[in-house]
Amino acid sequence: MTTIKKPPPFTAIYTSIFHTQLWTSFLIISANATSLFVLFIALNFLETLKIFSSSTLITLFSTIGGIAYFIGIASFMIICNMALVLSGMETKGGFISILKACVMIKRRTATALSLALCINISLARIKALFFHFWMESCYVNSSTSNPSIPLVVLVVLLLIYLYSVIITLETITSCIFYNSCKLGGLRT
């Protein structure tokens, strides 16, 4: 006879996700600050050694540093998103979820980065639509007329809807990725 497992109460899920969100926020802020500090120190150190004789080398080093920075931050974001999914699925939040996420993503970083790239491009495009509309309505049309309030409200509601659809898709893909990582871990 099989018993049906009861889902955990909503408060337990919310509490675990909240604790994990606090830890992931701290981790992202720390990763950003550390990465920018290391880039700043490296550029200043190389500048004092007078290694850069031309602006081409400065541009090349800055570009390489920027690419490394964004790949590192993207990796931290993926780990944090996976930790949030883990804490919601297993109702164990906090720093332990971040450590479990690091272990789960260990050999699947390329897949996680490609999933995150699609989602982040979509979110960036929605933000660009919002700022394009905002700039067009506020600055370009400000000399002729004020934008109509109902139109602004409708556009903002549409953008909020699009943003929430993309966030929902991100959550679904993260859950599917979590299940594939979990099944992959059981096979090995």
N, C-alpha and C. Protein backbone atom coordinates (compact mmCIF):
# COMPACT_ATOMS: atom_id res chain seq x y z
N MET A 1 0.84 -1.18 0.00
CA MET A 1 0.00 0.00 0.00
C MET A 1 0.89 1.24 0.00
N THR A 2 0.67 2.12 -0.95
CA THR A 2 1.47 3.33 -1.03
C THR A 2 0.75 4.47 -0.32
N THR A 3 1.56 5.25 0.34
CA THR A 3 1.01 6.42 1.02
C THR A 3 1.37 7.66 0.23
N ILE A 4 0.46 8.56 0.19
CA ILE A 4 0.70 9.82 -0.52
C ILE A 4 1.37 10.78 0.45
N LYS A 5 2.50 11.29 -0.01
CA LYS A 5 3.26 12.22 0.81
C LYS A 5 2.61 13.60 0.77
N LYS A 6 2.36 14.15 1.93
CA LYS A 6 1.75 15.48 2.01
C LYS A 6 2.77 16.54 1.62
N PRO A 7 2.33 17.54 0.88
CA PRO A 7 3.26 18.64 0.58
C PRO A 7 3.54 19.44 1.85
N PRO A 8 4.72 20.04 1.92
CA PRO A 8 5.04 20.84 3.10
C PRO A 8 4.16 22.08 3.16
N PRO A 9 3.97 22.63 4.33
CA PRO A 9 3.16 23.85 4.43
C PRO A 9 3.84 25.01 3.72
N PHE A 10 3.02 25.95 3.29
CA PHE A 10 3.52 27.11 2.55
C PHE A 10 4.53 27.91 3.37
N THR A 11 4.30 28.01 4.68
CA THR A 11 5.21 28.80 5.52
C THR A 11 6.60 28.19 5.55
N ALA A 12 6.69 26.86 5.51
CA ALA A 12 8.00 26.21 5.51
C ALA A 12 8.74 26.50 4.20
N ILE A 13 8.02 26.44 3.10
CA ILE A 13 8.63 26.74 1.80
C ILE A 13 9.06 28.20 1.75
N TYR A 14 8.18 29.09 2.18
CA TYR A 14 8.49 30.52 2.16
C TYR A 14 9.70 30.84 3.04
N THR A 15 9.76 30.26 4.22
CA THR A 15 10.87 30.52 5.14
C THR A 15 12.19 30.04 4.55
N SER A 16 12.19 28.85 3.97
CA SER A 16 13.44 28.34 3.39
C SER A 16 13.89 29.19 2.21
N ILE A 17 12.95 29.61 1.36
CA ILE A 17 13.31 30.45 0.22
C ILE A 17 13.79 31.82 0.69
N PHE A 18 13.16 32.36 1.73
CA PHE A 18 13.57 33.65 2.27
C PHE A 18 15.00 33.60 2.82
N HIS A 19 15.32 32.56 3.59
CA HIS A 19 16.68 32.44 4.13
C HIS A 19 17.71 32.27 3.01
N THR A 20 17.34 31.49 2.01
CA THR A 20 18.26 31.31 0.88
C THR A 20 18.43 32.61 0.11
N GLN A 21 17.35 33.37 -0.05
CA GLN A 21 17.45 34.66 -0.76
C GLN A 21 18.37 35.62 -0.03
N LEU A 22 18.31 35.64 1.28
CA LEU A 22 19.23 36.49 2.05
C LEU A 22 20.68 36.09 1.80
N TRP A 23 20.97 34.79 1.85
CA TRP A 23 22.33 34.32 1.61
C TRP A 23 22.77 34.59 0.17
N THR A 24 21.90 34.37 -0.80
CA THR A 24 22.29 34.59 -2.19
C THR A 24 22.51 36.07 -2.48
N SER A 25 21.72 36.93 -1.87
CA SER A 25 21.93 38.37 -2.04
C SER A 25 23.30 38.77 -1.50
N PHE A 26 23.64 38.27 -0.33
CA PHE A 26 24.95 38.54 0.24
C PHE A 26 26.06 38.00 -0.66
N LEU A 27 25.87 36.81 -1.21
CA LEU A 27 26.88 36.20 -2.08
C LEU A 27 27.08 37.00 -3.36
N ILE A 28 26.00 37.45 -3.98
CA ILE A 28 26.10 38.21 -5.23
C ILE A 28 26.78 39.56 -4.98
N ILE A 29 26.40 40.23 -3.90
CA ILE A 29 27.02 41.52 -3.57
C ILE A 29 28.51 41.32 -3.30
N SER A 30 28.86 40.28 -2.56
CA SER A 30 30.26 40.00 -2.27
C SER A 30 31.04 39.66 -3.52
N ALA A 31 30.44 38.85 -4.40
CA ALA A 31 31.12 38.48 -5.65
C ALA A 31 31.35 39.70 -6.53
N ASN A 32 30.36 40.57 -6.63
CA ASN A 32 30.53 41.79 -7.42
C ASN A 32 31.63 42.67 -6.85
N ALA A 33 31.59 42.89 -5.55
CA ALA A 33 32.58 43.76 -4.92
C ALA A 33 33.99 43.17 -5.05
N THR A 34 34.12 41.88 -4.84
CA THR A 34 35.44 41.25 -4.93
C THR A 34 35.97 41.29 -6.35
N SER A 35 35.12 40.97 -7.32
CA SER A 35 35.56 40.97 -8.71
C SER A 35 35.99 42.35 -9.18
N LEU A 36 35.19 43.35 -8.87
CA LEU A 36 35.55 44.71 -9.27
C LEU A 36 36.80 45.19 -8.55
N PHE A 37 36.98 44.81 -7.30
CA PHE A 37 38.17 45.19 -6.55
C PHE A 37 39.42 44.55 -7.17
N VAL A 38 39.33 43.26 -7.54
CA VAL A 38 40.47 42.58 -8.15
C VAL A 38 40.81 43.21 -9.49
N LEU A 39 39.79 43.53 -10.30
CA LEU A 39 40.05 44.19 -11.58
C LEU A 39 40.69 45.56 -11.39
N PHE A 40 40.21 46.30 -10.40
CA PHE A 40 40.76 47.62 -10.11
C PHE A 40 42.23 47.51 -9.69
N ILE A 41 42.52 46.60 -8.79
CA ILE A 41 43.91 46.42 -8.32
C ILE A 41 44.81 45.96 -9.46
N ALA A 42 44.33 45.03 -10.29
CA ALA A 42 45.14 44.53 -11.40
C ALA A 42 45.45 45.65 -12.41
N LEU A 43 44.45 46.44 -12.76
CA LEU A 43 44.70 47.53 -13.69
C LEU A 43 45.65 48.57 -13.11
N ASN A 44 45.50 48.91 -11.84
CA ASN A 44 46.41 49.87 -11.21
C ASN A 44 47.81 49.31 -11.08
N PHE A 45 47.94 48.02 -10.77
CA PHE A 45 49.25 47.41 -10.65
C PHE A 45 49.97 47.40 -12.00
N LEU A 46 49.26 47.03 -13.04
CA LEU A 46 49.88 47.02 -14.37
C LEU A 46 50.18 48.42 -14.87
N GLU A 47 49.40 49.38 -14.44
CA GLU A 47 49.67 50.76 -14.82
C GLU A 47 50.91 51.31 -14.13
N THR A 48 51.12 50.93 -12.87
CA THR A 48 52.31 51.39 -12.16
C THR A 48 53.58 50.73 -12.69
N LEU A 49 53.46 49.53 -13.23
CA LEU A 49 54.62 48.86 -13.82
C LEU A 49 54.94 49.37 -15.22
N LYS A 50 54.08 50.24 -15.73
CA LYS A 50 54.21 50.83 -17.08
C LYS A 50 54.26 49.73 -18.15
N ILE A 51 53.48 48.68 -17.94
CA ILE A 51 53.40 47.61 -18.94
C ILE A 51 52.59 48.07 -20.14
N PHE A 52 51.59 48.88 -19.89
CA PHE A 52 50.75 49.34 -20.99
C PHE A 52 51.43 50.52 -21.68
N SER A 53 51.94 50.27 -22.88
CA SER A 53 52.56 51.35 -23.63
C SER A 53 51.58 51.97 -24.62
N SER A 54 50.53 51.24 -24.92
CA SER A 54 49.56 51.78 -25.87
C SER A 54 48.15 51.59 -25.33
N SER A 55 47.25 52.35 -25.90
CA SER A 55 45.86 52.24 -25.47
C SER A 55 45.23 50.93 -25.95
N THR A 56 45.84 50.31 -26.96
CA THR A 56 45.32 49.02 -27.44
C THR A 56 45.46 47.95 -26.38
N LEU A 57 46.59 47.92 -25.69
CA LEU A 57 46.78 46.94 -24.62
C LEU A 57 45.84 47.19 -23.45
N ILE A 58 45.61 48.44 -23.14
CA ILE A 58 44.67 48.77 -22.06
C ILE A 58 43.26 48.29 -22.43
N THR A 59 42.87 48.55 -23.67
CA THR A 59 41.55 48.12 -24.13
C THR A 59 41.45 46.60 -24.14
N LEU A 60 42.49 45.92 -24.58
CA LEU A 60 42.49 44.46 -24.61
C LEU A 60 42.38 43.87 -23.21
N PHE A 61 43.16 44.38 -22.28
CA PHE A 61 43.11 43.88 -20.90
C PHE A 61 41.77 44.18 -20.26
N SER A 62 41.22 45.35 -20.52
CA SER A 62 39.91 45.70 -19.97
C SER A 62 38.82 44.80 -20.53
N THR A 63 38.91 44.49 -21.81
CA THR A 63 37.93 43.60 -22.43
C THR A 63 38.01 42.19 -21.86
N ILE A 64 39.21 41.67 -21.73
CA ILE A 64 39.40 40.34 -21.15
C ILE A 64 38.92 40.32 -19.70
N GLY A 65 39.24 41.35 -18.95
CA GLY A 65 38.78 41.43 -17.57
C GLY A 65 37.27 41.53 -17.48
N GLY A 66 36.65 42.28 -18.38
CA GLY A 66 35.19 42.40 -18.39
C GLY A 66 34.50 41.08 -18.73
N ILE A 67 35.06 40.36 -19.69
CA ILE A 67 34.48 39.06 -20.05
C ILE A 67 34.61 38.08 -18.89
N ALA A 68 35.79 38.05 -18.25
CA ALA A 68 35.98 37.17 -17.10
C ALA A 68 35.04 37.55 -15.95
N TYR A 69 34.85 38.85 -15.76
CA TYR A 69 33.94 39.33 -14.71
C TYR A 69 32.52 38.85 -14.96
N PHE A 70 32.03 39.02 -16.18
CA PHE A 70 30.65 38.65 -16.48
C PHE A 70 30.43 37.14 -16.45
N ILE A 71 31.43 36.35 -16.86
CA ILE A 71 31.30 34.90 -16.76
C ILE A 71 31.26 34.48 -15.30
N GLY A 72 32.11 35.09 -14.47
CA GLY A 72 32.10 34.77 -13.04
C GLY A 72 30.80 35.15 -12.37
N ILE A 73 30.29 36.32 -12.66
CA ILE A 73 29.03 36.77 -12.06
C ILE A 73 27.87 35.90 -12.57
N ALA A 74 27.91 35.53 -13.84
CA ALA A 74 26.85 34.65 -14.37
C ALA A 74 26.87 33.30 -13.67
N SER A 75 28.06 32.79 -13.38
CA SER A 75 28.16 31.52 -12.66
C SER A 75 27.58 31.64 -11.26
N PHE A 76 27.87 32.74 -10.58
CA PHE A 76 27.30 32.96 -9.25
C PHE A 76 25.78 33.10 -9.32
N MET A 77 25.28 33.77 -10.35
CA MET A 77 23.83 33.93 -10.49
C MET A 77 23.15 32.58 -10.72
N ILE A 78 23.78 31.72 -11.51
CA ILE A 78 23.23 30.39 -11.76
C ILE A 78 23.19 29.58 -10.48
N ILE A 79 24.26 29.63 -9.72
CA ILE A 79 24.31 28.91 -8.45
C ILE A 79 23.24 29.44 -7.51
N CYS A 80 23.06 30.74 -7.46
CA CYS A 80 22.04 31.33 -6.58
C CYS A 80 20.63 30.96 -7.02
N ASN A 81 20.37 30.97 -8.34
CA ASN A 81 19.05 30.56 -8.82
C ASN A 81 18.79 29.09 -8.51
N MET A 82 19.80 28.25 -8.70
CA MET A 82 19.64 26.83 -8.39
C MET A 82 19.43 26.63 -6.89
N ALA A 83 20.09 27.43 -6.07
CA ALA A 83 19.91 27.33 -4.62
C ALA A 83 18.49 27.70 -4.22
N LEU A 84 17.92 28.71 -4.87
CA LEU A 84 16.53 29.08 -4.59
C LEU A 84 15.56 27.97 -4.99
N VAL A 85 15.81 27.35 -6.14
CA VAL A 85 14.96 26.23 -6.56
C VAL A 85 15.12 25.07 -5.59
N LEU A 86 16.36 24.79 -5.20
CA LEU A 86 16.63 23.72 -4.24
C LEU A 86 15.91 23.96 -2.92
N SER A 87 15.95 25.17 -2.43
CA SER A 87 15.31 25.46 -1.14
C SER A 87 13.80 25.37 -1.25
N GLY A 88 13.24 25.69 -2.41
CA GLY A 88 11.80 25.54 -2.58
C GLY A 88 11.37 24.10 -2.75
N MET A 89 12.20 23.30 -3.42
CA MET A 89 11.83 21.90 -3.66
C MET A 89 12.09 21.02 -2.44
N GLU A 90 13.15 21.32 -1.71
CA GLU A 90 13.50 20.47 -0.57
C GLU A 90 13.16 21.09 0.78
N THR A 91 12.69 22.31 0.79
CA THR A 91 12.35 23.09 2.00
C THR A 91 13.47 23.10 3.03
N LYS A 92 14.70 23.15 2.55
CA LYS A 92 15.86 23.35 3.42
C LYS A 92 16.62 24.53 2.85
N GLY A 93 16.52 25.65 3.53
CA GLY A 93 17.09 26.87 2.99
C GLY A 93 18.39 27.26 3.65
N GLY A 94 18.86 28.43 3.27
CA GLY A 94 20.07 28.98 3.84
C GLY A 94 21.30 28.65 3.01
N PHE A 95 22.43 28.67 3.67
CA PHE A 95 23.71 28.47 3.00
C PHE A 95 23.87 27.03 2.51
N ILE A 96 23.21 26.09 3.15
CA ILE A 96 23.30 24.69 2.74
C ILE A 96 22.76 24.53 1.31
N SER A 97 21.72 25.25 0.96
CA SER A 97 21.18 25.19 -0.40
C SER A 97 22.20 25.68 -1.41
N ILE A 98 22.96 26.69 -1.06
CA ILE A 98 23.99 27.20 -1.97
C ILE A 98 25.08 26.16 -2.18
N LEU A 99 25.49 25.50 -1.10
CA LEU A 99 26.51 24.46 -1.23
C LEU A 99 26.00 23.28 -2.07
N LYS A 100 24.76 22.87 -1.84
CA LYS A 100 24.17 21.79 -2.64
C LYS A 100 24.09 22.19 -4.11
N ALA A 101 23.75 23.45 -4.37
CA ALA A 101 23.66 23.92 -5.76
C ALA A 101 25.02 23.88 -6.44
N CYS A 102 26.06 24.23 -5.70
CA CYS A 102 27.42 24.17 -6.26
C CYS A 102 27.77 22.74 -6.65
N VAL A 103 27.41 21.79 -5.80
CA VAL A 103 27.70 20.39 -6.09
C VAL A 103 26.87 19.87 -7.25
N MET A 104 25.59 20.27 -7.31
CA MET A 104 24.72 19.80 -8.38
C MET A 104 25.14 20.32 -9.75
N ILE A 105 25.63 21.54 -9.82
CA ILE A 105 25.98 22.16 -11.10
C ILE A 105 27.41 21.82 -11.52
N LYS A 106 28.11 21.11 -10.71
CA LYS A 106 29.54 20.87 -10.89
C LYS A 106 29.95 20.57 -12.33
N ARG A 107 29.36 19.59 -12.97
CA ARG A 107 29.76 19.22 -14.33
C ARG A 107 28.77 19.71 -15.39
N ARG A 108 27.83 20.54 -15.00
CA ARG A 108 26.81 21.00 -15.93
C ARG A 108 26.82 22.53 -16.08
N THR A 109 27.97 23.12 -15.92
CA THR A 109 28.07 24.57 -15.95
C THR A 109 27.72 25.13 -17.33
N ALA A 110 28.16 24.47 -18.39
CA ALA A 110 27.87 24.97 -19.74
C ALA A 110 26.37 24.97 -20.02
N THR A 111 25.69 23.91 -19.60
CA THR A 111 24.24 23.85 -19.79
C THR A 111 23.55 24.95 -19.00
N ALA A 112 23.98 25.13 -17.75
CA ALA A 112 23.38 26.16 -16.90
C ALA A 112 23.63 27.55 -17.47
N LEU A 113 24.84 27.79 -17.98
CA LEU A 113 25.13 29.10 -18.58
C LEU A 113 24.29 29.34 -19.83
N SER A 114 24.07 28.32 -20.64
CA SER A 114 23.26 28.52 -21.84
C SER A 114 21.80 28.78 -21.48
N LEU A 115 21.28 28.11 -20.45
CA LEU A 115 19.91 28.39 -19.99
C LEU A 115 19.80 29.81 -19.45
N ALA A 116 20.78 30.21 -18.66
CA ALA A 116 20.76 31.55 -18.08
C ALA A 116 20.92 32.63 -19.15
N LEU A 117 21.68 32.34 -20.19
CA LEU A 117 21.89 33.32 -21.26
C LEU A 117 20.57 33.65 -21.96
N CYS A 118 19.81 32.63 -22.28
CA CYS A 118 18.51 32.86 -22.96
C CYS A 118 17.58 33.69 -22.09
N ILE A 119 17.49 33.34 -20.82
CA ILE A 119 16.59 34.06 -19.92
C ILE A 119 17.05 35.50 -19.74
N ASN A 120 18.34 35.70 -19.54
CA ASN A 120 18.85 37.06 -19.30
C ASN A 120 18.74 37.94 -20.53
N ILE A 121 18.89 37.36 -21.72
CA ILE A 121 18.69 38.15 -22.93
C ILE A 121 17.24 38.59 -23.04
N SER A 122 16.32 37.69 -22.69
CA SER A 122 14.90 38.04 -22.73
C SER A 122 14.57 39.14 -21.73
N LEU A 123 15.10 39.03 -20.52
CA LEU A 123 14.85 40.05 -19.51
C LEU A 123 15.46 41.39 -19.91
N ALA A 124 16.64 41.35 -20.49
CA ALA A 124 17.28 42.59 -20.94
C ALA A 124 16.48 43.25 -22.06
N ARG A 125 15.92 42.43 -22.92
CA ARG A 125 15.11 42.99 -24.02
C ARG A 125 13.84 43.65 -23.49
N ILE A 126 13.23 43.05 -22.48
CA ILE A 126 12.04 43.66 -21.90
C ILE A 126 12.39 44.98 -21.22
N LYS A 127 13.54 45.00 -20.52
CA LYS A 127 13.97 46.26 -19.90
C LYS A 127 14.26 47.31 -20.96
N ALA A 128 14.85 46.89 -22.09
CA ALA A 128 15.13 47.83 -23.16
C ALA A 128 13.84 48.38 -23.76
N LEU A 129 12.82 47.53 -23.89
CA LEU A 129 11.52 48.01 -24.37
C LEU A 129 10.94 49.06 -23.43
N PHE A 130 11.05 48.79 -22.13
CA PHE A 130 10.53 49.73 -21.15
C PHE A 130 11.26 51.07 -21.24
N PHE A 131 12.59 51.04 -21.26
CA PHE A 131 13.34 52.29 -21.29
C PHE A 131 13.16 53.01 -22.63
N HIS A 132 13.01 52.25 -23.71
CA HIS A 132 12.76 52.88 -25.00
C HIS A 132 11.43 53.63 -24.97
N PHE A 133 10.40 52.97 -24.45
CA PHE A 133 9.10 53.64 -24.35
C PHE A 133 9.18 54.83 -23.41
N TRP A 134 9.85 54.65 -22.28
CA TRP A 134 9.93 55.72 -21.29
C TRP A 134 10.64 56.93 -21.85
N MET A 135 11.79 56.70 -22.50
CA MET A 135 12.55 57.82 -23.07
C MET A 135 11.77 58.48 -24.21
N GLU A 136 11.13 57.67 -25.02
CA GLU A 136 10.38 58.24 -26.13
C GLU A 136 9.21 59.07 -25.64
N SER A 137 8.50 58.58 -24.65
CA SER A 137 7.32 59.30 -24.18
C SER A 137 7.69 60.51 -23.33
N CYS A 138 8.78 60.42 -22.58
CA CYS A 138 9.12 61.52 -21.67
C CYS A 138 9.95 62.61 -22.34
N TYR A 139 10.92 62.22 -23.17
CA TYR A 139 11.85 63.22 -23.68
C TYR A 139 11.57 63.63 -25.12
N VAL A 140 11.24 62.71 -25.96
CA VAL A 140 11.02 63.05 -27.36
C VAL A 140 9.69 63.79 -27.52
N ASN A 141 8.66 63.26 -26.88
CA ASN A 141 7.34 63.85 -27.03
C ASN A 141 7.06 64.95 -26.00
N SER A 142 8.00 65.27 -25.15
CA SER A 142 7.74 66.26 -24.10
C SER A 142 7.56 67.67 -24.68
N SER A 143 8.16 67.94 -25.83
CA SER A 143 8.00 69.28 -26.39
C SER A 143 6.64 69.46 -27.04
N THR A 144 6.06 68.36 -27.55
CA THR A 144 4.78 68.49 -28.23
C THR A 144 3.60 68.27 -27.29
N SER A 145 3.64 67.20 -26.55
CA SER A 145 2.52 66.92 -25.64
C SER A 145 2.99 65.95 -24.56
N ASN A 146 2.23 65.91 -23.50
CA ASN A 146 2.51 64.94 -22.45
C ASN A 146 1.93 63.59 -22.83
N PRO A 147 2.59 62.49 -22.43
CA PRO A 147 2.02 61.18 -22.74
C PRO A 147 0.73 60.96 -21.97
N SER A 148 -0.18 60.28 -22.58
CA SER A 148 -1.46 60.05 -21.91
C SER A 148 -1.28 59.03 -20.80
N ILE A 149 -1.87 59.30 -19.67
CA ILE A 149 -1.73 58.44 -18.50
C ILE A 149 -2.28 57.03 -18.75
N PRO A 150 -3.44 56.87 -19.38
CA PRO A 150 -3.91 55.49 -19.63
C PRO A 150 -2.97 54.68 -20.52
N LEU A 151 -2.35 55.33 -21.51
CA LEU A 151 -1.41 54.63 -22.37
C LEU A 151 -0.19 54.20 -21.59
N VAL A 152 0.33 55.06 -20.75
CA VAL A 152 1.49 54.73 -19.93
C VAL A 152 1.16 53.56 -19.00
N VAL A 153 -0.01 53.60 -18.38
CA VAL A 153 -0.43 52.53 -17.47
C VAL A 153 -0.53 51.21 -18.22
N LEU A 154 -1.13 51.23 -19.41
CA LEU A 154 -1.27 50.01 -20.19
C LEU A 154 0.08 49.43 -20.61
N VAL A 155 0.99 50.30 -21.03
CA VAL A 155 2.30 49.82 -21.44
C VAL A 155 3.06 49.26 -20.25
N VAL A 156 2.99 49.93 -19.11
CA VAL A 156 3.66 49.42 -17.91
C VAL A 156 3.08 48.08 -17.49
N LEU A 157 1.75 47.94 -17.55
CA LEU A 157 1.13 46.66 -17.22
C LEU A 157 1.56 45.56 -18.19
N LEU A 158 1.66 45.89 -19.47
CA LEU A 158 2.12 44.92 -20.45
C LEU A 158 3.55 44.49 -20.16
N LEU A 159 4.41 45.43 -19.86
CA LEU A 159 5.80 45.09 -19.57
C LEU A 159 5.93 44.28 -18.28
N ILE A 160 5.12 44.59 -17.29
CA ILE A 160 5.12 43.80 -16.06
C ILE A 160 4.67 42.37 -16.36
N TYR A 161 3.66 42.24 -17.20
CA TYR A 161 3.18 40.92 -17.58
C TYR A 161 4.27 40.14 -18.31
N LEU A 162 4.94 40.76 -19.28
CA LEU A 162 6.01 40.09 -20.02
C LEU A 162 7.15 39.67 -19.09
N TYR A 163 7.50 40.58 -18.18
CA TYR A 163 8.58 40.29 -17.24
C TYR A 163 8.19 39.10 -16.35
N SER A 164 6.95 39.06 -15.88
CA SER A 164 6.53 37.97 -15.01
C SER A 164 6.46 36.65 -15.77
N VAL A 165 6.12 36.68 -17.06
CA VAL A 165 6.12 35.46 -17.87
C VAL A 165 7.54 34.91 -17.99
N ILE A 166 8.50 35.79 -18.24
CA ILE A 166 9.89 35.34 -18.37
C ILE A 166 10.40 34.80 -17.03
N ILE A 167 10.06 35.43 -15.92
CA ILE A 167 10.47 34.94 -14.60
C ILE A 167 9.84 33.57 -14.33
N THR A 168 8.59 33.40 -14.73
CA THR A 168 7.94 32.10 -14.57
C THR A 168 8.62 31.04 -15.42
N LEU A 169 8.96 31.37 -16.66
CA LEU A 169 9.70 30.43 -17.51
C LEU A 169 11.07 30.11 -16.92
N GLU A 170 11.72 31.10 -16.33
CA GLU A 170 13.01 30.85 -15.69
C GLU A 170 12.86 29.87 -14.53
N THR A 171 11.81 30.03 -13.75
CA THR A 171 11.57 29.13 -12.63
C THR A 171 11.29 27.72 -13.13
N ILE A 172 10.51 27.60 -14.18
CA ILE A 172 10.20 26.28 -14.73
C ILE A 172 11.45 25.61 -15.28
N THR A 173 12.26 26.35 -16.04
CA THR A 173 13.49 25.76 -16.58
C THR A 173 14.47 25.41 -15.46
N SER A 174 14.50 26.21 -14.41
CA SER A 174 15.37 25.89 -13.28
C SER A 174 14.91 24.62 -12.57
N CYS A 175 13.60 24.44 -12.45
CA CYS A 175 13.08 23.21 -11.84
C CYS A 175 13.39 21.99 -12.70
N ILE A 176 13.24 22.13 -14.02
CA ILE A 176 13.57 21.02 -14.92
C ILE A 176 15.06 20.72 -14.85
N PHE A 177 15.89 21.76 -14.82
CA PHE A 177 17.33 21.57 -14.70
C PHE A 177 17.69 20.92 -13.36
N TYR A 178 17.00 21.32 -12.30
CA TYR A 178 17.19 20.70 -10.98
C TYR A 178 16.89 19.21 -11.04
N ASN A 179 15.76 18.85 -11.67
CA ASN A 179 15.39 17.43 -11.77
C ASN A 179 16.40 16.65 -12.61
N SER A 180 16.90 17.25 -13.68
CA SER A 180 17.90 16.55 -14.50
C SER A 180 19.22 16.39 -13.74
N CYS A 181 19.58 17.40 -12.96
CA CYS A 181 20.80 17.29 -12.15
C CYS A 181 20.64 16.21 -11.08
N LYS A 182 19.46 16.17 -10.48
CA LYS A 182 19.19 15.19 -9.43
C LYS A 182 19.20 13.78 -10.00
N LEU A 183 18.56 13.58 -11.16
CA LEU A 183 18.57 12.26 -11.81
C LEU A 183 19.97 11.88 -12.29
N GLY A 184 20.71 12.87 -12.79
CA GLY A 184 22.08 12.60 -13.21
C GLY A 184 22.97 12.22 -12.04
N GLY A 185 22.72 12.80 -10.87
CA GLY A 185 23.49 12.47 -9.67
C GLY A 185 23.15 11.09 -9.15
N LEU A 186 21.93 10.63 -9.38
CA LEU A 186 21.53 9.29 -8.93
C LEU A 186 22.16 8.21 -9.80
N ARG A 187 22.40 8.52 -11.08
CA ARG A 187 22.97 7.53 -11.98
C ARG A 187 24.45 7.28 -11.73
N THR A 188 25.15 8.31 -11.27
CA THR A 188 26.59 8.15 -11.08
C THR A 188 26.93 7.55 -9.76
